């Protein structure tokens, strides 16, 4: 019985010690999400302001300007995921 009690106390102690790292990782995840959304929006709006969707609409690989705009939206989504990949090692460090 004593071994079981000490085992649970040890497990509870480890869990309590991990809480600050979990909170820090969640805050870092929130920061990464904010940065990713901002970067995606900047890239998408910049591409549209530059008129890249119109230029893509004139190429043979794109049907029209709307199709070009959807391709540029996809590029923004790639930026979004790249930001999360960039932050991944930091999450891993905090949680190990």
C-alpha atoms as a PDB file:
ATOM      1  CA  UNK A   1       0.000   0.000   0.000  1.00  0.00           C
ATOM      2  CA  UNK A   2       2.859   2.338   0.839  1.00  0.00           C
ATOM      3  CA  UNK A   3       4.429   1.787  -2.602  1.00  0.00           C
ATOM      4  CA  UNK A   4       1.140   2.608  -4.280  1.00  0.00           C
ATOM      5  CA  UNK A   5       0.781   5.825  -2.279  1.00  0.00           C
ATOM      6  CA  UNK A   6       4.323   6.950  -3.037  1.00  0.00           C
ATOM      7  CA  UNK A   7       3.794   6.135  -6.696  1.00  0.00           C
ATOM      8  CA  UNK A   8       0.667   8.323  -6.865  1.00  0.00           C
ATOM      9  CA  UNK A   9       2.414  11.117  -4.961  1.00  0.00           C
ATOM     10  CA  UNK A  10       5.314  10.978  -7.394  1.00  0.00           C
ATOM     11  CA  UNK A  11       2.950  11.033 -10.379  1.00  0.00           C
ATOM     12  CA  UNK A  12       0.997  13.969  -8.947  1.00  0.00           C
ATOM     13  CA  UNK A  13       4.214  15.840  -8.239  1.00  0.00           C
ATOM     14  CA  UNK A  14       5.394  15.316 -11.842  1.00  0.00           C
ATOM     15  CA  UNK A  15       2.035  16.487 -13.147  1.00  0.00           C
ATOM     16  CA  UNK A  16       2.109  19.653 -11.059  1.00  0.00           C
ATOM     17  CA  UNK A  17       5.654  20.406 -12.184  1.00  0.00           C
ATOM     18  CA  UNK A  18       4.614  20.061 -15.851  1.00  0.00           C
ATOM     19  CA  UNK A  19       1.727  22.556 -15.636  1.00  0.00           C
ATOM     20  CA  UNK A  20       3.870  25.694 -16.221  1.00  0.00           C
ATOM     21  CA  UNK A  21       5.415  24.158 -19.346  1.00  0.00           C
ATOM     22  CA  UNK A  22       1.998  23.189 -20.694  1.00  0.00           C
ATOM     23  CA  UNK A  23       0.689  26.709 -20.090  1.00  0.00           C
ATOM     24  CA  UNK A  24       3.758  28.186 -21.807  1.00  0.00           C
ATOM     25  CA  UNK A  25       3.272  25.847 -24.773  1.00  0.00           C
ATOM     26  CA  UNK A  26      -0.387  26.857 -25.059  1.00  0.00           C
ATOM     27  CA  UNK A  27       0.558  30.533 -24.985  1.00  0.00           C
ATOM     28  CA  UNK A  28       3.176  29.886 -27.646  1.00  0.00           C
ATOM     29  CA  UNK A  29       0.566  28.078 -29.726  1.00  0.00           C
ATOM     30  CA  UNK A  30      -1.734  31.096 -29.406  1.00  0.00           C
ATOM     31  CA  UNK A  31       1.100  33.401 -30.462  1.00  0.00           C
ATOM     32  CA  UNK A  32       1.912  31.166 -33.445  1.00  0.00           C
ATOM     33  CA  UNK A  33      -1.748  31.169 -34.497  1.00  0.00           C
ATOM     34  CA  UNK A  34      -1.911  34.979 -34.322  1.00  0.00           C
ATOM     35  CA  UNK A  35       1.322  35.365 -36.310  1.00  0.00           C
ATOM     36  CA  UNK A  36       0.156  32.778 -38.863  1.00  0.00           C
ATOM     37  CA  UNK A  37      -3.217  34.463 -39.417  1.00  0.00           C
ATOM     38  CA  UNK A  38      -1.620  37.898 -39.762  1.00  0.00           C
ATOM     39  CA  UNK A  39       1.054  36.607 -42.153  1.00  0.00           C
ATOM     40  CA  UNK A  40      -1.548  34.784 -44.272  1.00  0.00           C
ATOM     41  CA  UNK A  41      -3.742  37.876 -44.509  1.00  0.00           C
ATOM     42  CA  UNK A  42      -0.797  40.120 -45.374  1.00  0.00           C
ATOM     43  CA  UNK A  43       0.377  37.783 -48.123  1.00  0.00           C
ATOM     44  CA  UNK A  44      -3.104  37.359 -49.603  1.00  0.00           C
ATOM     45  CA  UNK A  45      -3.873  41.078 -49.578  1.00  0.00           C
ATOM     46  CA  UNK A  46      -0.432  41.975 -50.915  1.00  0.00           C
ATOM     47  CA  UNK A  47      -0.819  39.578 -53.829  1.00  0.00           C
ATOM     48  CA  UNK A  48      -4.233  41.022 -54.686  1.00  0.00           C
ATOM     49  CA  UNK A  49      -2.986  44.624 -54.410  1.00  0.00           C
ATOM     50  CA  UNK A  50      -0.094  43.764 -56.706  1.00  0.00           C
ATOM     51  CA  UNK A  51      -2.599  42.385 -59.201  1.00  0.00           C
ATOM     52  CA  UNK A  52      -1.055  38.950 -59.351  1.00  0.00           C
ATOM     53  CA  UNK A  53      -4.483  37.358 -59.701  1.00  0.00           C
ATOM     54  CA  UNK A  54      -5.009  39.374 -62.895  1.00  0.00           C
ATOM     55  CA  UNK A  55      -1.594  38.400 -64.183  1.00  0.00           C
ATOM     56  CA  UNK A  56      -2.240  34.760 -63.415  1.00  0.00           C
ATOM     57  CA  UNK A  57      -5.575  35.046 -65.217  1.00  0.00           C
ATOM     58  CA  UNK A  58      -3.703  35.780 -68.434  1.00  0.00           C
ATOM     59  CA  UNK A  59      -1.535  32.669 -68.239  1.00  0.00           C
ATOM     60  CA  UNK A  60      -2.583  29.394 -69.867  1.00  0.00           C
ATOM     61  CA  UNK A  61      -2.476  27.457 -66.581  1.00  0.00           C
ATOM     62  CA  UNK A  62      -5.278  29.539 -65.013  1.00  0.00           C
ATOM     63  CA  UNK A  63      -8.814  29.791 -66.403  1.00  0.00           C
ATOM     64  CA  UNK A  64      -9.721  33.293 -65.162  1.00  0.00           C
ATOM     65  CA  UNK A  65      -8.965  35.882 -62.465  1.00  0.00           C
ATOM     66  CA  UNK A  66     -11.079  34.095 -59.852  1.00  0.00           C
ATOM     67  CA  UNK A  67      -9.087  30.918 -60.358  1.00  0.00           C
ATOM     68  CA  UNK A  68      -5.894  32.975 -60.045  1.00  0.00           C
ATOM     69  CA  UNK A  69      -7.188  34.501 -56.806  1.00  0.00           C
ATOM     70  CA  UNK A  70      -7.927  31.038 -55.410  1.00  0.00           C
ATOM     71  CA  UNK A  71      -4.341  30.024 -56.219  1.00  0.00           C
ATOM     72  CA  UNK A  72      -3.076  33.082 -54.349  1.00  0.00           C
ATOM     73  CA  UNK A  73      -5.315  32.173 -51.402  1.00  0.00           C
ATOM     74  CA  UNK A  74      -3.661  28.762 -51.427  1.00  0.00           C
ATOM     75  CA  UNK A  75      -0.268  30.469 -51.269  1.00  0.00           C
ATOM     76  CA  UNK A  76      -1.488  32.342 -48.179  1.00  0.00           C
ATOM     77  CA  UNK A  77      -2.514  29.052 -46.593  1.00  0.00           C
ATOM     78  CA  UNK A  78       0.952  27.651 -47.282  1.00  0.00           C
ATOM     79  CA  UNK A  79       2.429  30.620 -45.398  1.00  0.00           C
ATOM     80  CA  UNK A  80      -0.017  29.919 -42.555  1.00  0.00           C
ATOM     81  CA  UNK A  81       1.200  26.331 -42.192  1.00  0.00           C
ATOM     82  CA  UNK A  82       4.859  27.296 -42.581  1.00  0.00           C
ATOM     83  CA  UNK A  83       4.533  29.582 -39.562  1.00  0.00           C
ATOM     84  CA  UNK A  84       3.206  26.670 -37.503  1.00  0.00           C
ATOM     85  CA  UNK A  85       6.037  24.457 -38.722  1.00  0.00           C
ATOM     86  CA  UNK A  86       8.499  27.190 -37.750  1.00  0.00           C
ATOM     87  CA  UNK A  87       7.130  27.271 -34.192  1.00  0.00           C
ATOM     88  CA  UNK A  88       6.971  23.464 -33.828  1.00  0.00           C
ATOM     89  CA  UNK A  89      10.475  22.975 -32.334  1.00  0.00           C
ATOM     90  CA  UNK A  90       9.627  25.511 -29.640  1.00  0.00           C
ATOM     91  CA  UNK A  91       6.477  23.602 -28.648  1.00  0.00           C
ATOM     92  CA  UNK A  92       8.420  20.376 -28.541  1.00  0.00           C
ATOM     93  CA  UNK A  93      11.124  21.916 -26.357  1.00  0.00           C
ATOM     94  CA  UNK A  94       8.589  23.229 -23.869  1.00  0.00           C
ATOM     95  CA  UNK A  95       6.694  19.955 -23.606  1.00  0.00           C
ATOM     96  CA  UNK A  96       9.697  17.663 -23.134  1.00  0.00           C
END
